[in-house]
Amino acid sequence: MKRKTNLRYILIILSLIIILVGGVLILIKKEKVSRMESPQKVPQVKKPKEILENFIEADNSKWKTYRNMDYGFEVKYPPALRIRERGNGILIENLPIITGKGNLKEKSLEIYLTPNCFGLSSEAEEAIITTFNNREIFVERWRVIPAGGAVNPDYYWTVVKANTPIRENQCITFELIFSYSNYPKKLPSLLNEGETSILYQIISTVTVFQPQERFVKVLFPNGGEQLIIGKSYTITWEAKNVKKIDILLVERKNRNRRGRKKNKI
């Protein structure tokens, strides 16, 4: 009788364990499904009570000017900083860190033209809308992202991103990028203060003008000419506001490319 009783208790305990484990697995599965089906939460865009018309501007009378003739805008930046041109904009590296020692390693600012003003990014954790000189400015801060692996990241980075329309279907975008040696204890503000003040100082210098007209028109050869092998020909063209022209010579035999020669003028 004792053996049968013990066996009965063991079966009851095993049944209870199976029911408990099954219930936990069902709850975990439901939680995963609900996370997948629930829409992604995005931060609510806040509008400060006081519109930031009074940006704290530095004395920018001695600042340098970046002027983009192709896209019709210019901005000023501190003279001690160096820039790298990038097609439709610039990258300003090694901006000064003003809040003293900490885990902030580097700060840089990228400025470029975009065809449309961006909407709220899925990476954004905070956002505000403000104005300056009757121009609306949309500012958002991205979540902190580890770089070089989630377990032992090389560094952490985040972005305060702003854009402002300059004409129909065109915006200037500013990306103020922060790199930290470890997870930041204090995140950069979206307002005109601390490490973000340089962003507003540079935004306040934006000037918009009519983009410069540019074109190249090849006069000879422009297609259809019969050229004689061994004879020299002069290539002619018309150009306006073009600094450099590349000439590419392509040799073909039986419609297959054999080689090419490129000259810069």
C-alpha atoms as a PDB file:
ATOM      1  CA  MET A   1       0.000   0.000   0.000  1.00  0.00           C
ATOM      2  CA  LYS A   2       2.862   2.375   0.768  1.00  0.00           C
ATOM      3  CA  ARG A   3       4.346   2.034  -2.707  1.00  0.00           C
ATOM      4  CA  LYS A   4       0.980   2.721  -4.343  1.00  0.00           C
ATOM      5  CA  THR A   5       0.426   5.774  -2.126  1.00  0.00           C
ATOM      6  CA  ASN A   6       3.887   7.180  -2.923  1.00  0.00           C
ATOM      7  CA  LEU A   7       3.314   6.591  -6.615  1.00  0.00           C
ATOM      8  CA  ARG A   8       0.014   8.414  -6.417  1.00  0.00           C
ATOM      9  CA  TYR A   9       1.667  11.424  -4.735  1.00  0.00           C
ATOM     10  CA  ILE A  10       4.433  11.467  -7.336  1.00  0.00           C
ATOM     11  CA  LEU A  11       1.909  11.446 -10.181  1.00  0.00           C
ATOM     12  CA  ILE A  12      -0.051  14.295  -8.569  1.00  0.00           C
ATOM     13  CA  ILE A  13       3.124  16.388  -8.133  1.00  0.00           C
ATOM     14  CA  LEU A  14       4.217  15.733 -11.734  1.00  0.00           C
ATOM     15  CA  SER A  15       0.763  16.729 -13.001  1.00  0.00           C
ATOM     16  CA  LEU A  16       0.904  19.983 -11.035  1.00  0.00           C
ATOM     17  CA  ILE A  17       4.390  20.767 -12.404  1.00  0.00           C
ATOM     18  CA  ILE A  18       3.258  20.110 -15.998  1.00  0.00           C
ATOM     19  CA  ILE A  19       0.185  22.347 -15.530  1.00  0.00           C
ATOM     20  CA  LEU A  20       2.330  25.123 -13.971  1.00  0.00           C
ATOM     21  CA  VAL A  21       5.006  25.016 -16.703  1.00  0.00           C
ATOM     22  CA  GLY A  22       2.342  24.936 -19.437  1.00  0.00           C
ATOM     23  CA  GLY A  23       0.626  27.978 -17.956  1.00  0.00           C
ATOM     24  CA  VAL A  24       3.905  29.938 -17.812  1.00  0.00           C
ATOM     25  CA  LEU A  25       4.702  29.070 -21.448  1.00  0.00           C
ATOM     26  CA  ILE A  26       1.237  30.209 -22.575  1.00  0.00           C
ATOM     27  CA  LEU A  27       1.653  33.539 -20.741  1.00  0.00           C
ATOM     28  CA  ILE A  28       5.094  34.115 -22.316  1.00  0.00           C
ATOM     29  CA  LYS A  29       3.749  33.343 -25.790  1.00  0.00           C
ATOM     30  CA  LYS A  30       0.802  35.714 -25.319  1.00  0.00           C
ATOM     31  CA  GLU A  31       3.150  38.480 -24.153  1.00  0.00           C
ATOM     32  CA  LYS A  32       5.387  38.019 -27.220  1.00  0.00           C
ATOM     33  CA  VAL A  33       2.396  38.106 -29.568  1.00  0.00           C
ATOM     34  CA  SER A  34       0.987  41.210 -27.896  1.00  0.00           C
ATOM     35  CA  ARG A  35       4.364  42.956 -28.263  1.00  0.00           C
ATOM     36  CA  MET A  36       4.536  42.079 -31.943  1.00  0.00           C
ATOM     37  CA  GLU A  37       0.963  43.143 -32.638  1.00  0.00           C
ATOM     38  CA  SER A  38       0.977  46.334 -30.568  1.00  0.00           C
ATOM     39  CA  PRO A  39       1.877  49.478 -32.535  1.00  0.00           C
ATOM     40  CA  GLN A  40       5.256  51.077 -31.876  1.00  0.00           C
ATOM     41  CA  LYS A  41       5.059  53.895 -29.381  1.00  0.00           C
ATOM     42  CA  VAL A  42       6.439  57.239 -30.564  1.00  0.00           C
ATOM     43  CA  PRO A  43       7.037  60.251 -28.342  1.00  0.00           C
ATOM     44  CA  GLN A  44       4.492  63.011 -28.240  1.00  0.00           C
ATOM     45  CA  VAL A  45       5.715  66.184 -29.896  1.00  0.00           C
ATOM     46  CA  LYS A  46       5.844  68.968 -27.326  1.00  0.00           C
ATOM     47  CA  LYS A  47       5.623  72.658 -28.086  1.00  0.00           C
ATOM     48  CA  PRO A  48       7.342  74.815 -25.460  1.00  0.00           C
ATOM     49  CA  LYS A  49       5.185  77.460 -23.780  1.00  0.00           C
ATOM     50  CA  GLU A  50       7.645  80.123 -24.857  1.00  0.00           C
ATOM     51  CA  ILE A  51       8.653  79.961 -28.516  1.00  0.00           C
ATOM     52  CA  LEU A  52      12.438  80.044 -28.759  1.00  0.00           C
ATOM     53  CA  GLU A  53      12.772  83.330 -30.635  1.00  0.00           C
ATOM     54  CA  ASN A  54      15.553  84.523 -28.333  1.00  0.00           C
ATOM     55  CA  PHE A  55      18.309  82.095 -29.229  1.00  0.00           C
ATOM     56  CA  ILE A  56      21.461  82.785 -27.227  1.00  0.00           C
ATOM     57  CA  GLU A  57      23.684  83.697 -30.135  1.00  0.00           C
ATOM     58  CA  ALA A  58      27.436  83.803 -29.814  1.00  0.00           C
ATOM     59  CA  ASP A  59      29.353  86.707 -31.310  1.00  0.00           C
ATOM     60  CA  ASN A  60      29.472  85.287 -34.839  1.00  0.00           C
ATOM     61  CA  SER A  61      30.925  88.367 -36.525  1.00  0.00           C
ATOM     62  CA  LYS A  62      34.222  86.507 -36.982  1.00  0.00           C
ATOM     63  CA  TRP A  63      32.689  83.153 -37.886  1.00  0.00           C
ATOM     64  CA  LYS A  64      33.460  81.522 -41.230  1.00  0.00           C
ATOM     65  CA  THR A  65      30.742  81.033 -43.852  1.00  0.00           C
ATOM     66  CA  TYR A  66      29.863  77.893 -45.774  1.00  0.00           C
ATOM     67  CA  ARG A  67      27.984  78.862 -48.932  1.00  0.00           C
ATOM     68  CA  ASN A  68      26.379  76.235 -51.178  1.00  0.00           C
ATOM     69  CA  MET A  69      25.753  77.828 -54.578  1.00  0.00           C
ATOM     70  CA  ASP A  70      24.108  74.706 -56.026  1.00  0.00           C
ATOM     71  CA  TYR A  71      21.411  74.437 -53.369  1.00  0.00           C
ATOM     72  CA  GLY A  72      21.073  78.098 -52.388  1.00  0.00           C
ATOM     73  CA  PHE A  73      21.865  78.290 -48.677  1.00  0.00           C
ATOM     74  CA  GLU A  74      24.648  79.331 -46.345  1.00  0.00           C
ATOM     75  CA  VAL A  75      25.485  78.876 -42.655  1.00  0.00           C
ATOM     76  CA  LYS A  76      28.182  80.246 -40.383  1.00  0.00           C
ATOM     77  CA  TYR A  77      30.392  78.222 -38.055  1.00  0.00           C
ATOM     78  CA  PRO A  78      33.152  79.021 -35.500  1.00  0.00           C
ATOM     79  CA  PRO A  79      36.496  79.800 -37.183  1.00  0.00           C
ATOM     80  CA  ALA A  80      38.501  77.320 -35.095  1.00  0.00           C
ATOM     81  CA  LEU A  81      36.537  74.412 -36.538  1.00  0.00           C
ATOM     82  CA  ARG A  82      37.286  72.583 -39.772  1.00  0.00           C
ATOM     83  CA  ILE A  83      34.664  71.309 -42.172  1.00  0.00           C
ATOM     84  CA  ARG A  84      34.454  68.559 -44.769  1.00  0.00           C
ATOM     85  CA  GLU A  85      32.211  69.113 -47.755  1.00  0.00           C
ATOM     86  CA  ARG A  86      29.817  66.268 -48.549  1.00  0.00           C
ATOM     87  CA  GLY A  87      27.928  66.829 -51.790  1.00  0.00           C
ATOM     88  CA  ASN A  88      24.825  68.655 -50.608  1.00  0.00           C
ATOM     89  CA  GLY A  89      26.261  69.781 -47.261  1.00  0.00           C
ATOM     90  CA  ILE A  90      29.116  69.734 -44.744  1.00  0.00           C
ATOM     91  CA  LEU A  91      30.386  67.836 -41.717  1.00  0.00           C
ATOM     92  CA  ILE A  92      31.803  69.853 -38.794  1.00  0.00           C
ATOM     93  CA  GLU A  93      33.947  67.593 -36.615  1.00  0.00           C
ATOM     94  CA  ASN A  94      35.289  67.899 -33.060  1.00  0.00           C
ATOM     95  CA  LEU A  95      32.913  70.568 -31.792  1.00  0.00           C
ATOM     96  CA  PRO A  96      34.059  71.950 -28.406  1.00  0.00           C
ATOM     97  CA  ILE A  97      32.671  70.182 -25.319  1.00  0.00           C
ATOM     98  CA  ILE A  98      31.561  72.899 -22.906  1.00  0.00           C
ATOM     99  CA  THR A  99      30.110  71.007 -19.934  1.00  0.00           C
ATOM    100  CA  GLY A 100      33.438  69.915 -18.488  1.00  0.00           C
ATOM    101  CA  LYS A 101      34.894  66.456 -18.034  1.00  0.00           C
ATOM    102  CA  GLY A 102      32.595  63.490 -18.342  1.00  0.00           C
ATOM    103  CA  ASN A 103      31.952  60.516 -20.555  1.00  0.00           C
ATOM    104  CA  LEU A 104      31.197  62.663 -23.639  1.00  0.00           C
ATOM    105  CA  LYS A 105      34.056  61.826 -26.043  1.00  0.00           C
ATOM    106  CA  GLU A 106      33.179  63.679 -29.224  1.00  0.00           C
ATOM    107  CA  LYS A 107      30.588  65.971 -30.729  1.00  0.00           C
ATOM    108  CA  SER A 108      30.089  66.673 -34.449  1.00  0.00           C
ATOM    109  CA  LEU A 109      27.473  68.361 -36.617  1.00  0.00           C
ATOM    110  CA  GLU A 110      26.349  67.364 -40.103  1.00  0.00           C
ATOM    111  CA  ILE A 111      24.377  69.878 -42.201  1.00  0.00           C
ATOM    112  CA  TYR A 112      22.769  68.897 -45.488  1.00  0.00           C
ATOM    113  CA  LEU A 113      19.824  69.539 -47.777  1.00  0.00           C
ATOM    114  CA  THR A 114      16.892  67.110 -47.932  1.00  0.00           C
ATOM    115  CA  PRO A 115      14.003  67.046 -50.439  1.00  0.00           C
ATOM    116  CA  ASN A 116      11.373  67.044 -47.678  1.00  0.00           C
ATOM    117  CA  CYS A 117      11.223  67.731 -43.957  1.00  0.00           C
ATOM    118  CA  PHE A 118      11.405  64.462 -42.033  1.00  0.00           C
ATOM    119  CA  GLY A 119       8.653  63.036 -39.892  1.00  0.00           C
ATOM    120  CA  LEU A 120       9.154  61.673 -36.413  1.00  0.00           C
ATOM    121  CA  SER A 121      11.814  58.936 -36.489  1.00  0.00           C
ATOM    122  CA  SER A 122      11.258  55.539 -34.873  1.00  0.00           C
ATOM    123  CA  GLU A 123      14.554  56.190 -33.050  1.00  0.00           C
ATOM    124  CA  ALA A 124      13.208  59.393 -31.439  1.00  0.00           C
ATOM    125  CA  GLU A 125      12.539  59.514 -27.711  1.00  0.00           C
ATOM    126  CA  GLU A 126      11.724  63.192 -27.382  1.00  0.00           C
ATOM    127  CA  ALA A 127      10.659  65.941 -29.784  1.00  0.00           C
ATOM    128  CA  ILE A 128       9.715  69.630 -29.805  1.00  0.00           C
ATOM    129  CA  ILE A 129       8.543  72.165 -32.385  1.00  0.00           C
ATOM    130  CA  THR A 130       9.810  75.729 -32.135  1.00  0.00           C
ATOM    131  CA  THR A 131      10.296  78.764 -34.413  1.00  0.00           C
ATOM    132  CA  PHE A 132      12.988  81.282 -35.196  1.00  0.00           C
ATOM    133  CA  ASN A 133      12.685  84.261 -37.562  1.00  0.00           C
ATOM    134  CA  ASN A 134       9.203  82.988 -38.552  1.00  0.00           C
ATOM    135  CA  ARG A 135      10.749  79.678 -39.607  1.00  0.00           C
ATOM    136  CA  GLU A 136       9.461  76.471 -38.020  1.00  0.00           C
ATOM    137  CA  ILE A 137      12.094  74.156 -36.560  1.00  0.00           C
ATOM    138  CA  PHE A 138      11.428  70.518 -35.698  1.00  0.00           C
ATOM    139  CA  VAL A 139      13.864  69.030 -33.161  1.00  0.00           C
ATOM    140  CA  GLU A 140      14.087  65.440 -31.916  1.00  0.00           C
ATOM    141  CA  ARG A 141      16.473  63.343 -29.840  1.00  0.00           C
ATOM    142  CA  TRP A 142      17.173  59.728 -30.739  1.00  0.00           C
ATOM    143  CA  ARG A 143      17.528  56.941 -28.226  1.00  0.00           C
ATOM    144  CA  VAL A 144      21.047  56.016 -27.087  1.00  0.00           C
ATOM    145  CA  ILE A 145      22.532  53.301 -29.307  1.00  0.00           C
ATOM    146  CA  PRO A 146      25.528  51.063 -28.448  1.00  0.00           C
ATOM    147  CA  ALA A 147      28.208  50.770 -31.138  1.00  0.00           C
ATOM    148  CA  GLY A 148      30.403  47.734 -31.713  1.00  0.00           C
ATOM    149  CA  GLY A 149      28.167  45.172 -30.022  1.00  0.00           C
ATOM    150  CA  ALA A 150      25.400  45.211 -27.442  1.00  0.00           C
ATOM    151  CA  VAL A 151      27.347  43.191 -24.818  1.00  0.00           C
ATOM    152  CA  ASN A 152      30.631  45.143 -24.741  1.00  0.00           C
ATOM    153  CA  PRO A 153      30.083  48.234 -26.921  1.00  0.00           C
ATOM    154  CA  ASP A 154      33.034  50.361 -28.014  1.00  0.00           C
ATOM    155  CA  TYR A 155      31.024  53.506 -27.302  1.00  0.00           C
ATOM    156  CA  TYR A 156      27.472  54.871 -27.160  1.00  0.00           C
ATOM    157  CA  TRP A 157      25.983  57.529 -29.392  1.00  0.00           C
ATOM    158  CA  THR A 158      22.844  59.584 -29.803  1.00  0.00           C
ATOM    159  CA  VAL A 159      21.655  62.354 -32.137  1.00  0.00           C
ATOM    160  CA  VAL A 160      19.794  65.614 -31.683  1.00  0.00           C
ATOM    161  CA  LYS A 161      18.281  66.127 -35.115  1.00  0.00           C
ATOM    162  CA  ALA A 162      16.647  69.313 -36.395  1.00  0.00           C
ATOM    163  CA  ASN A 163      15.341  70.518 -39.708  1.00  0.00           C
ATOM    164  CA  THR A 164      13.820  73.679 -41.052  1.00  0.00           C
ATOM    165  CA  PRO A 165      12.133  74.351 -44.418  1.00  0.00           C
ATOM    166  CA  ILE A 166      13.924  76.814 -46.695  1.00  0.00           C
ATOM    167  CA  ARG A 167      11.637  76.610 -49.738  1.00  0.00           C
ATOM    168  CA  GLU A 168       8.866  74.383 -51.067  1.00  0.00           C
ATOM    169  CA  ASN A 169       9.825  70.671 -50.780  1.00  0.00           C
ATOM    170  CA  GLN A 170      13.311  71.483 -49.463  1.00  0.00           C
ATOM    171  CA  CYS A 171      14.687  71.460 -45.919  1.00  0.00           C
ATOM    172  CA  ILE A 172      18.034  71.946 -44.235  1.00  0.00           C
ATOM    173  CA  THR A 173      18.724  69.097 -41.806  1.00  0.00           C
ATOM    174  CA  PHE A 174      21.104  69.366 -38.844  1.00  0.00           C
ATOM    175  CA  GLU A 175      22.394  66.244 -37.062  1.00  0.00           C
ATOM    176  CA  LEU A 176      24.269  66.953 -33.830  1.00  0.00           C
ATOM    177  CA  ILE A 177      25.974  63.634 -33.015  1.00  0.00           C
ATOM    178  CA  PHE A 178      27.188  62.796 -29.494  1.00  0.00           C
ATOM    179  CA  SER A 179      29.631  59.942 -28.766  1.00  0.00           C
ATOM    180  CA  TYR A 180      30.089  58.676 -25.179  1.00  0.00           C
ATOM    181  CA  SER A 181      32.710  56.373 -23.672  1.00  0.00           C
ATOM    182  CA  ASN A 182      29.944  54.685 -21.638  1.00  0.00           C
ATOM    183  CA  TYR A 183      26.208  55.057 -21.241  1.00  0.00           C
ATOM    184  CA  PRO A 184      25.470  58.769 -20.654  1.00  0.00           C
ATOM    185  CA  LYS A 185      24.172  59.727 -17.220  1.00  0.00           C
ATOM    186  CA  LYS A 186      22.723  62.948 -18.600  1.00  0.00           C
ATOM    187  CA  LEU A 187      21.213  63.121 -22.084  1.00  0.00           C
ATOM    188  CA  PRO A 188      21.572  66.239 -24.267  1.00  0.00           C
ATOM    189  CA  SER A 189      18.747  68.746 -24.055  1.00  0.00           C
ATOM    190  CA  LEU A 190      16.515  69.660 -26.994  1.00  0.00           C
ATOM    191  CA  LEU A 191      16.500  73.277 -25.859  1.00  0.00           C
ATOM    192  CA  ASN A 192      19.067  75.990 -26.424  1.00  0.00           C
ATOM    193  CA  GLU A 193      21.302  75.045 -23.509  1.00  0.00           C
ATOM    194  CA  GLY A 194      24.448  73.132 -22.630  1.00  0.00           C
ATOM    195  CA  GLU A 195      25.970  70.999 -25.361  1.00  0.00           C
ATOM    196  CA  THR A 196      23.025  71.686 -27.714  1.00  0.00           C
ATOM    197  CA  SER A 197      23.434  75.486 -27.743  1.00  0.00           C
ATOM    198  CA  ILE A 198      25.911  75.348 -30.662  1.00  0.00           C
ATOM    199  CA  LEU A 199      23.165  73.752 -32.781  1.00  0.00           C
ATOM    200  CA  TYR A 200      20.808  76.695 -32.267  1.00  0.00           C
ATOM    201  CA  GLN A 201      23.628  79.209 -32.731  1.00  0.00           C
ATOM    202  CA  ILE A 202      24.403  77.752 -36.162  1.00  0.00           C
ATOM    203  CA  ILE A 203      20.717  77.414 -37.123  1.00  0.00           C
ATOM    204  CA  SER A 204      20.286  81.128 -36.368  1.00  0.00           C
ATOM    205  CA  THR A 205      22.847  81.976 -39.106  1.00  0.00           C
ATOM    206  CA  VAL A 206      21.013  80.184 -41.958  1.00  0.00           C
ATOM    207  CA  THR A 207      20.544  82.366 -45.032  1.00  0.00           C
ATOM    208  CA  VAL A 208      18.654  81.283 -48.149  1.00  0.00           C
ATOM    209  CA  PHE A 209      19.210  82.598 -51.691  1.00  0.00           C
ATOM    210  CA  GLN A 210      18.460  81.627 -55.282  1.00  0.00           C
ATOM    211  CA  PRO A 211      20.517  78.573 -56.317  1.00  0.00           C
ATOM    212  CA  GLN A 212      23.093  79.117 -59.037  1.00  0.00           C
ATOM    213  CA  GLU A 213      22.184  77.900 -62.510  1.00  0.00           C
ATOM    214  CA  ARG A 214      24.611  75.299 -63.883  1.00  0.00           C
ATOM    215  CA  PHE A 215      24.720  73.452 -67.176  1.00  0.00           C
ATOM    216  CA  VAL A 216      27.044  71.783 -69.705  1.00  0.00           C
ATOM    217  CA  LYS A 217      26.206  71.487 -73.396  1.00  0.00           C
ATOM    218  CA  VAL A 218      28.462  69.469 -75.719  1.00  0.00           C
ATOM    219  CA  LEU A 219      28.805  71.140 -79.142  1.00  0.00           C
ATOM    220  CA  PHE A 220      31.153  68.665 -80.853  1.00  0.00           C
ATOM    221  CA  PRO A 221      30.869  65.740 -81.092  1.00  0.00           C
ATOM    222  CA  ASN A 222      27.260  65.509 -80.043  1.00  0.00           C
ATOM    223  CA  GLY A 223      26.278  62.247 -81.748  1.00  0.00           C
ATOM    224  CA  GLY A 224      26.083  60.951 -85.307  1.00  0.00           C
ATOM    225  CA  GLU A 225      29.463  62.209 -86.544  1.00  0.00           C
ATOM    226  CA  GLN A 226      31.700  59.924 -88.636  1.00  0.00           C
ATOM    227  CA  LEU A 227      35.208  60.226 -87.130  1.00  0.00           C
ATOM    228  CA  ILE A 228      38.285  59.041 -89.011  1.00  0.00           C
ATOM    229  CA  ILE A 229      40.842  56.939 -87.156  1.00  0.00           C
ATOM    230  CA  GLY A 230      44.187  58.738 -86.752  1.00  0.00           C
ATOM    231  CA  LYS A 231      42.754  62.223 -87.236  1.00  0.00           C
ATOM    232  CA  SER A 232      42.671  64.741 -84.372  1.00  0.00           C
ATOM    233  CA  TYR A 233      39.436  66.400 -83.323  1.00  0.00           C
ATOM    234  CA  THR A 234      38.711  69.223 -80.891  1.00  0.00           C
ATOM    235  CA  ILE A 235      35.972  68.599 -78.374  1.00  0.00           C
ATOM    236  CA  THR A 236      33.979  71.766 -77.714  1.00  0.00           C
ATOM    237  CA  TRP A 237      31.252  72.594 -75.217  1.00  0.00           C
ATOM    238  CA  GLU A 238      29.435  75.407 -73.476  1.00  0.00           C
ATOM    239  CA  ALA A 239      29.314  75.562 -69.676  1.00  0.00           C
ATOM    240  CA  LYS A 240      28.053  77.876 -66.968  1.00  0.00           C
ATOM    241  CA  ASN A 241      29.193  77.859 -63.318  1.00  0.00           C
ATOM    242  CA  VAL A 242      31.020  74.531 -63.737  1.00  0.00           C
ATOM    243  CA  LYS A 243      34.410  74.259 -62.034  1.00  0.00           C
ATOM    244  CA  LYS A 244      35.630  70.983 -63.557  1.00  0.00           C
ATOM    245  CA  ILE A 245      34.712  68.777 -66.515  1.00  0.00           C
ATOM    246  CA  ASP A 246      35.711  65.121 -66.955  1.00  0.00           C
ATOM    247  CA  ILE A 247      36.150  63.687 -70.463  1.00  0.00           C
ATOM    248  CA  LEU A 248      35.760  59.926 -70.736  1.00  0.00           C
ATOM    249  CA  LEU A 249      36.950  58.151 -73.892  1.00  0.00           C
ATOM    250  CA  VAL A 250      35.495  54.696 -74.404  1.00  0.00           C
ATOM    251  CA  GLU A 251      36.932  52.394 -77.070  1.00  0.00           C
ATOM    252  CA  ARG A 252      34.534  49.799 -78.441  1.00  0.00           C
ATOM    253  CA  LYS A 253      34.939  46.835 -80.771  1.00  0.00           C
ATOM    254  CA  ASN A 254      31.943  44.822 -81.861  1.00  0.00           C
ATOM    255  CA  ARG A 255      29.903  46.832 -79.326  1.00  0.00           C
ATOM    256  CA  ASN A 256      32.069  45.536 -76.481  1.00  0.00           C
ATOM    257  CA  ARG A 257      34.021  47.960 -74.300  1.00  0.00           C
ATOM    258  CA  ARG A 258      37.802  47.404 -74.658  1.00  0.00           C
ATOM    259  CA  GLY A 259      39.252  50.177 -72.550  1.00  0.00           C
ATOM    260  CA  ARG A 260      38.781  53.753 -71.481  1.00  0.00           C
ATOM    261  CA  LYS A 261      40.767  56.884 -70.918  1.00  0.00           C
ATOM    262  CA  LYS A 262      39.721  59.704 -68.607  1.00  0.00           C
ATOM    263  CA  ASN A 263      41.031  63.248 -68.723  1.00  0.00           C
ATOM    264  CA  LYS A 264      40.135  66.023 -66.261  1.00  0.00           C
ATOM    265  CA  ILE A 265      39.875  69.632 -67.376  1.00  0.00           C
END
